[in-house]
Amino acid sequence: MSAAFGFSQSEKSRIRDGNNQYEEGNFQEAEKQYRKALMENPGYLKSTFNLGDAMYKQENYEESANLFNEVVERNASKEEKSASYYNIGNTLMKEEKYEESIEEFKNSLRISPENNNAKYNLEYARKKLKEQQKQQENQDQNQDQDKNEDQDQKNDNNKDNKDKDKQDKKDKQDPKNNEDQNNGDKENEQEKQPQKISKQDAQRMLEALKNDEKKTLQKLQKQKARAIKGKKSDIDW
């Protein structure tokens, strides 16, 4: 940060006390003294500038930038404006607003081209901006890849659902397919099961077997009778 500017006779003690506290790192105490100086003389730019320094050191970057912008917009000297632009650039870098900070460092160099600190910070801001843009590109690519993968998965799910709907629709339109399949399953199931007969069928089958046996017995008896009748006797009477 730029060194605190001098002070007028009316705010001499306030500014001096604030500068002493600032140099010792007591930024809150320095803030109090600068604010008291502004209460005594609200238009005193040097108190405004020094207060901006104190707020920057306390990491209150938004208020710090506002105070330095106030210096720039008012009737400040070239030195004050150049230093204010430089400090605004620093606050923007702290907030990672590198593109905006680059413009502020350029504004400072337009007024004070010999400001080596502004030159260094300008190049540093450009480097950080490139890194930020590269990181953003990688994030965008990852998001696009994730989006494409989600879309592919969604398309696959939709395709599966459509195929299922087509099959269901086909089954509804041609119930014979299901019926044939069911009949085939029933036939296979029937083949596996033994055939059962009724009691009446069993009785008839039994009677048929008895009749066959009876006929067979009668046939055998007739054949035996013929054999006995036709046999010659060996007894000589």
Protein backbone atom coordinates (compact mmCIF):
# COMPACT_ATOMS: atom_id res chain seq x y z
CA MET A 1 0.00 0.00 0.00
CA SER A 2 1.05 3.56 -0.52
CA ALA A 3 2.41 5.40 2.50
CA ALA A 4 -0.04 7.64 4.32
CA PHE A 5 -0.12 11.19 3.02
CA GLY A 6 0.72 14.22 5.08
CA PHE A 7 -1.81 16.23 6.99
CA SER A 8 -2.90 19.84 7.46
CA GLN A 9 -2.34 21.74 10.68
CA SER A 10 -5.99 21.34 11.89
CA GLU A 11 -5.88 17.54 11.77
CA LYS A 12 -2.21 17.29 12.69
CA SER A 13 -2.56 15.43 15.95
CA ARG A 14 -5.24 13.02 14.68
CA ILE A 15 -3.36 12.08 11.53
CA ARG A 16 -0.07 11.76 13.44
CA ASP A 17 -1.61 9.45 16.02
CA GLY A 18 -3.28 7.42 13.27
CA ASN A 19 -0.02 7.10 11.32
CA ASN A 20 1.85 5.97 14.42
CA GLN A 21 -0.75 3.29 15.14
CA TYR A 22 -0.68 2.23 11.49
CA GLU A 23 3.11 1.82 11.48
CA GLU A 24 2.89 -0.31 14.63
CA GLY A 25 0.24 -2.56 13.03
CA ASN A 26 -2.60 -1.31 15.23
CA PHE A 27 -4.93 -0.79 12.30
CA GLN A 28 -8.13 -0.53 14.33
CA GLU A 29 -6.66 2.26 16.46
CA ALA A 30 -5.37 3.96 13.32
CA GLU A 31 -8.89 3.72 11.86
CA LYS A 32 -10.32 5.48 14.90
CA GLN A 33 -7.89 8.37 14.60
CA TYR A 34 -8.52 8.81 10.88
CA ARG A 35 -12.26 8.79 11.42
CA LYS A 36 -11.92 11.44 14.15
CA ALA A 37 -9.92 13.55 11.72
CA LEU A 38 -12.70 13.20 9.15
CA MET A 39 -15.31 14.19 11.72
CA GLU A 40 -13.39 17.39 12.29
CA ASN A 41 -12.95 17.98 8.54
CA PRO A 42 -15.13 15.66 6.37
CA GLY A 43 -13.59 16.93 3.12
CA TYR A 44 -10.02 16.22 4.04
CA LEU A 45 -8.78 13.78 1.35
CA LYS A 46 -5.63 12.75 3.16
CA SER A 47 -7.69 11.39 6.06
CA THR A 48 -9.91 9.56 3.58
CA PHE A 49 -6.91 8.03 1.82
CA ASN A 50 -5.24 6.94 5.07
CA LEU A 51 -8.51 5.48 6.31
CA GLY A 52 -8.68 3.44 3.09
CA ASP A 53 -5.23 2.05 3.91
CA ALA A 54 -6.33 1.09 7.42
CA MET A 55 -9.47 -0.67 6.14
CA TYR A 56 -7.41 -2.58 3.56
CA LYS A 57 -5.12 -3.86 6.31
CA GLN A 58 -8.21 -5.09 8.17
CA GLU A 59 -9.31 -6.95 5.01
CA ASN A 60 -12.40 -4.80 4.61
CA TYR A 61 -11.76 -4.54 0.90
CA GLU A 62 -15.15 -3.22 -0.12
CA GLU A 63 -15.02 -0.16 2.13
CA SER A 64 -11.35 0.33 1.32
CA ALA A 65 -12.11 0.48 -2.41
CA ASN A 66 -14.98 2.89 -1.79
CA LEU A 67 -12.69 5.26 0.13
CA PHE A 68 -10.05 5.24 -2.61
CA ASN A 69 -12.71 5.81 -5.27
CA GLU A 70 -13.86 8.80 -3.25
CA VAL A 71 -10.35 10.23 -3.46
CA VAL A 72 -10.23 9.67 -7.24
CA GLU A 73 -13.61 11.30 -7.85
CA ARG A 74 -12.76 14.40 -5.87
CA ASN A 75 -10.25 17.16 -6.56
CA ALA A 76 -7.17 15.10 -5.71
CA SER A 77 -3.65 15.56 -6.91
CA LYS A 78 -2.10 13.29 -9.57
CA GLU A 79 -0.05 11.57 -6.90
CA GLU A 80 -3.16 10.90 -4.82
CA LYS A 81 -5.13 9.63 -7.82
CA SER A 82 -2.34 7.37 -9.03
CA ALA A 83 -1.88 5.91 -5.55
CA SER A 84 -5.66 5.47 -5.19
CA TYR A 85 -5.95 3.58 -8.50
CA TYR A 86 -3.05 1.39 -7.43
CA ASN A 87 -4.69 0.59 -4.09
CA ILE A 88 -8.07 -0.10 -5.73
CA GLY A 89 -6.29 -2.61 -7.98
CA ASN A 90 -4.90 -4.29 -4.88
CA THR A 91 -8.33 -4.57 -3.24
CA LEU A 92 -9.76 -6.12 -6.43
CA MET A 93 -6.92 -8.66 -6.58
CA LYS A 94 -7.69 -9.69 -3.01
CA GLU A 95 -11.25 -10.41 -4.16
CA GLU A 96 -9.87 -12.36 -7.17
CA LYS A 97 -11.37 -9.81 -9.56
CA TYR A 98 -8.28 -9.89 -11.73
CA GLU A 99 -9.75 -8.42 -14.89
CA GLU A 100 -11.01 -5.34 -13.02
CA SER A 101 -7.76 -4.96 -11.11
CA ILE A 102 -5.79 -4.89 -14.39
CA GLU A 103 -7.71 -1.78 -15.47
CA GLU A 104 -6.99 -0.05 -12.17
CA PHE A 105 -3.25 -0.71 -12.43
CA LYS A 106 -3.33 0.65 -15.97
CA ASN A 107 -5.07 3.80 -14.70
CA SER A 108 -2.35 4.22 -12.11
CA LEU A 109 0.41 3.81 -14.73
CA ARG A 110 -1.23 6.31 -17.07
CA ILE A 111 -0.70 8.93 -14.39
CA SER A 112 2.61 7.62 -13.02
CA PRO A 113 4.37 5.47 -15.67
CA GLU A 114 7.39 5.10 -13.39
CA ASN A 115 5.42 3.29 -10.69
CA ASN A 116 7.26 -0.05 -10.64
CA ASN A 117 4.90 -1.54 -8.06
CA ALA A 118 1.96 -0.91 -10.37
CA LYS A 119 3.90 -2.50 -13.25
CA TYR A 120 4.67 -5.60 -11.22
CA ASN A 121 1.12 -5.97 -9.93
CA LEU A 122 -0.26 -5.48 -13.43
CA GLU A 123 1.72 -8.45 -14.75
CA TYR A 124 0.84 -10.52 -11.72
CA ALA A 125 -2.87 -9.78 -12.22
CA ARG A 126 -2.61 -10.82 -15.87
CA LYS A 127 -1.01 -14.12 -14.86
CA LYS A 128 -3.71 -14.81 -12.28
CA LEU A 129 -6.42 -13.93 -14.79
CA LYS A 130 -5.07 -16.54 -17.25
CA GLU A 131 -5.01 -19.15 -14.49
CA GLN A 132 -8.55 -18.24 -13.50
CA GLN A 133 -9.80 -18.47 -17.08
CA LYS A 134 -8.07 -21.83 -17.58
CA GLN A 135 -9.62 -23.15 -14.41
CA GLN A 136 -13.03 -21.93 -15.52
CA GLU A 137 -12.60 -23.64 -18.89
CA ASN A 138 -11.77 -26.93 -17.18
CA GLN A 139 -14.82 -26.60 -14.97
CA ASP A 140 -17.02 -25.87 -17.97
CA GLN A 141 -15.62 -28.90 -19.79
CA ASN A 142 -16.26 -31.12 -16.78
CA GLN A 143 -19.79 -29.79 -16.48
CA ASP A 144 -20.41 -30.39 -20.19
CA GLN A 145 -19.03 -33.92 -19.88
CA ASP A 146 -21.23 -34.64 -16.87
CA LYS A 147 -24.19 -33.17 -18.73
CA ASN A 148 -23.52 -35.37 -21.77
CA GLU A 149 -23.17 -38.47 -19.61
CA ASP A 150 -26.45 -37.68 -17.87
CA GLN A 151 -28.11 -37.16 -21.25
CA ASP A 152 -26.74 -40.47 -22.56
CA GLN A 153 -28.01 -42.27 -19.50
CA LYS A 154 -31.38 -40.61 -19.92
CA ASN A 155 -31.52 -41.65 -23.58
CA ASP A 156 -30.67 -45.24 -22.68
CA ASN A 157 -33.40 -45.30 -20.06
CA ASN A 158 -35.89 -43.84 -22.51
CA LYS A 159 -34.92 -46.46 -25.12
CA ASP A 160 -35.41 -49.29 -22.62
CA ASN A 161 -38.79 -47.90 -21.62
CA LYS A 162 -39.85 -47.54 -25.25
CA ASP A 163 -38.83 -51.13 -26.03
CA LYS A 164 -40.79 -52.36 -23.04
CA ASP A 165 -43.82 -50.30 -24.05
CA LYS A 166 -43.64 -51.72 -27.59
CA GLN A 167 -43.53 -55.28 -26.29
CA ASP A 168 -46.42 -54.66 -23.90
CA LYS A 169 -48.42 -53.11 -26.72
CA LYS A 170 -47.65 -56.05 -29.01
CA ASP A 171 -48.77 -58.52 -26.37
CA LYS A 172 -52.02 -56.64 -25.91
CA GLN A 173 -52.67 -56.53 -29.66
CA ASP A 174 -51.87 -60.24 -30.18
CA PRO A 175 -52.99 -62.13 -27.06
CA LYS A 176 -52.60 -65.40 -29.02
CA ASN A 177 -48.88 -65.25 -28.41
CA ASN A 178 -49.39 -65.31 -24.70
CA GLU A 179 -52.13 -67.88 -25.06
CA ASP A 180 -49.95 -70.19 -27.19
CA GLN A 181 -47.17 -69.82 -24.74
CA ASN A 182 -49.48 -70.58 -21.85
CA ASN A 183 -50.94 -73.60 -23.72
CA GLY A 184 -47.46 -74.84 -24.45
CA ASP A 185 -46.57 -74.57 -20.80
CA LYS A 186 -49.76 -76.47 -19.89
CA GLU A 187 -49.02 -79.24 -22.40
CA ASN A 188 -45.52 -79.65 -21.08
CA GLU A 189 -46.91 -79.74 -17.61
CA GLN A 190 -49.46 -82.40 -18.62
CA GLU A 191 -46.77 -84.56 -20.21
CA LYS A 192 -44.90 -84.63 -16.98
CA GLN A 193 -47.94 -85.79 -14.99
CA PRO A 194 -49.18 -89.48 -15.18
CA GLN A 195 -52.54 -90.02 -16.92
CA LYS A 196 -55.38 -90.89 -14.56
CA ILE A 197 -58.36 -93.24 -15.47
CA SER A 198 -61.81 -93.34 -14.00
CA LYS A 199 -63.16 -96.13 -11.87
CA GLN A 200 -65.54 -97.27 -14.63
CA ASP A 201 -62.70 -97.51 -17.15
CA ALA A 202 -60.71 -99.55 -14.74
CA GLN A 203 -63.62 -101.95 -14.19
CA ARG A 204 -64.13 -102.43 -17.92
CA MET A 205 -60.47 -103.12 -18.42
CA LEU A 206 -60.55 -105.71 -15.66
CA GLU A 207 -63.59 -107.48 -17.16
CA ALA A 208 -61.91 -107.48 -20.57
CA LEU A 209 -58.88 -109.15 -19.08
CA LYS A 210 -61.12 -111.78 -17.41
CA ASN A 211 -62.92 -112.51 -20.68
CA ASP A 212 -59.63 -112.87 -22.49
CA GLU A 213 -58.41 -115.28 -19.84
CA LYS A 214 -61.66 -117.26 -20.02
CA LYS A 215 -61.47 -117.58 -23.80
CA THR A 216 -57.85 -118.58 -23.59
CA LEU A 217 -58.69 -121.29 -21.02
CA GLN A 218 -61.52 -122.70 -23.13
CA LYS A 219 -59.25 -122.80 -26.16
CA LEU A 220 -56.62 -124.71 -24.21
CA GLN A 221 -59.23 -127.21 -22.93
CA LYS A 222 -60.45 -127.92 -26.47
CA GLN A 223 -56.93 -128.47 -27.71
CA LYS A 224 -56.28 -130.87 -24.86
CA ALA A 225 -59.49 -132.85 -25.58
CA ARG A 226 -58.55 -133.27 -29.21
CA ALA A 227 -55.13 -134.45 -28.26
CA ILE A 228 -56.53 -137.11 -25.92
CA LYS A 229 -59.07 -138.34 -28.46
CA GLY A 230 -56.57 -138.72 -31.23
CA LYS A 231 -53.87 -140.56 -29.23
CA LYS A 232 -53.40 -144.32 -29.94
CA SER A 233 -53.56 -146.74 -26.96
CA ASP A 234 -50.53 -148.87 -26.34
CA ILE A 235 -52.52 -151.56 -24.43
CA ASP A 236 -53.08 -154.81 -26.29
CA TRP A 237 -56.51 -156.09 -25.31
